[in-house]
Amino acid sequence: MLRNVATTGPVTAYDRGHLALYAALLDAEEAGMAWHEAAATIMRIDIADAGAHGCWRSHLERARWIIGEGLGAALEAFGRTSKLTR
């Protein structure tokens, strides 16, 4: 189930369950897809909902964190040892 706002802080089971979503959001951003199109097609949320933009934004920001600053922690949390966090 998609949360209204993505998790923050250490990597969570929610992150693990939404890796494909995070990847799709990053791909959509790179392709120049508008937020409302990505939210509707990738996240399957109603863009008319008052919280839709915030939901999309928080998940995109979490995706960026996972592949950036949180990469080492994500690799360890998902069962791979990373030299980045040692």
Protein backbone atom coordinates (compact mmCIF):
# COMPACT_ATOMS: atom_id res chain seq x y z
CA MET A 1 0.00 0.00 0.00
CA LEU A 2 1.29 3.43 -0.95
CA ARG A 3 1.70 5.90 1.91
CA ASN A 4 0.72 9.54 1.51
CA VAL A 5 4.31 10.46 2.39
CA ALA A 6 7.32 8.24 1.83
CA THR A 7 9.40 7.12 4.78
CA THR A 8 12.40 9.09 5.98
CA GLY A 9 15.47 8.16 7.97
CA PRO A 10 17.02 4.70 7.83
CA VAL A 11 16.03 2.28 5.09
CA THR A 12 12.79 0.46 5.89
CA ALA A 13 10.74 -2.49 4.71
CA TYR A 14 8.54 0.10 2.98
CA ASP A 15 11.54 1.13 0.88
CA ARG A 16 12.30 -2.48 0.00
CA GLY A 17 8.72 -2.98 -1.11
CA HIS A 18 8.76 0.14 -3.25
CA LEU A 19 12.11 -0.10 -5.04
CA ALA A 20 10.44 -0.64 -8.42
CA LEU A 21 8.30 2.45 -7.82
CA TYR A 22 11.36 4.49 -6.88
CA ALA A 23 13.18 3.34 -10.03
CA ALA A 24 10.18 4.17 -12.22
CA LEU A 25 9.88 7.64 -10.68
CA LEU A 26 13.57 8.32 -11.31
CA ASP A 27 13.24 7.11 -14.91
CA ALA A 28 10.18 9.30 -15.41
CA GLU A 29 11.98 12.32 -14.01
CA GLU A 30 14.96 11.70 -16.29
CA ALA A 31 12.59 11.42 -19.26
CA GLY A 32 11.00 14.77 -18.36
CA MET A 33 7.60 13.34 -17.43
CA ALA A 34 5.35 15.86 -15.68
CA TRP A 35 4.64 15.15 -12.01
CA HIS A 36 0.91 14.67 -12.60
CA GLU A 37 1.51 12.15 -15.37
CA ALA A 38 3.98 10.18 -13.24
CA ALA A 39 1.67 10.28 -10.23
CA ALA A 40 -1.30 9.06 -12.25
CA THR A 41 0.39 6.41 -14.38
CA ILE A 42 3.19 5.11 -12.16
CA MET A 43 1.78 5.65 -8.68
CA ARG A 44 -1.86 5.25 -9.70
CA ILE A 45 -3.00 8.11 -7.49
CA ASP A 46 -5.75 10.60 -8.16
CA ILE A 47 -3.96 13.82 -9.09
CA ALA A 48 -7.06 15.81 -8.11
CA ASP A 49 -6.48 14.75 -4.50
CA ALA A 50 -5.05 17.60 -2.43
CA GLY A 51 -2.14 15.43 -1.26
CA ALA A 52 -1.20 14.00 -4.66
CA HIS A 53 1.68 16.36 -5.39
CA GLY A 54 3.15 15.91 -1.91
CA CYS A 55 2.87 12.14 -2.20
CA TRP A 56 4.65 12.14 -5.55
CA ARG A 57 7.30 14.60 -4.34
CA SER A 58 8.09 12.66 -1.14
CA HIS A 59 8.48 9.38 -3.02
CA LEU A 60 10.71 10.97 -5.65
CA GLU A 61 12.84 12.56 -2.92
CA ARG A 62 13.11 9.20 -1.16
CA ALA A 63 14.15 7.56 -4.43
CA ARG A 64 16.88 10.18 -4.86
CA TRP A 65 18.06 9.58 -1.29
CA ILE A 66 18.16 5.80 -1.80
CA ILE A 67 20.46 6.08 -4.84
CA GLY A 68 22.54 8.86 -3.30
CA GLU A 69 23.27 9.37 0.36
CA GLY A 70 21.39 6.25 1.45
CA LEU A 71 22.90 3.82 -1.04
CA GLY A 72 25.27 2.11 1.36
CA ALA A 73 22.57 1.70 3.99
CA ALA A 74 20.12 0.48 1.36
CA LEU A 75 22.52 -2.17 0.09
CA GLU A 76 23.09 -3.47 3.61
CA ALA A 77 19.38 -3.38 4.47
CA PHE A 78 18.53 -5.27 1.31
CA GLY A 79 21.03 -8.03 2.04
CA ARG A 80 24.21 -6.90 0.33
CA THR A 81 27.37 -5.78 2.06
CA SER A 82 28.56 -2.38 0.97
CA LYS A 83 32.03 -0.91 1.27
CA LEU A 84 30.37 2.52 1.23
CA THR A 85 29.19 2.24 4.83
CA ARG A 86 32.28 0.65 6.33
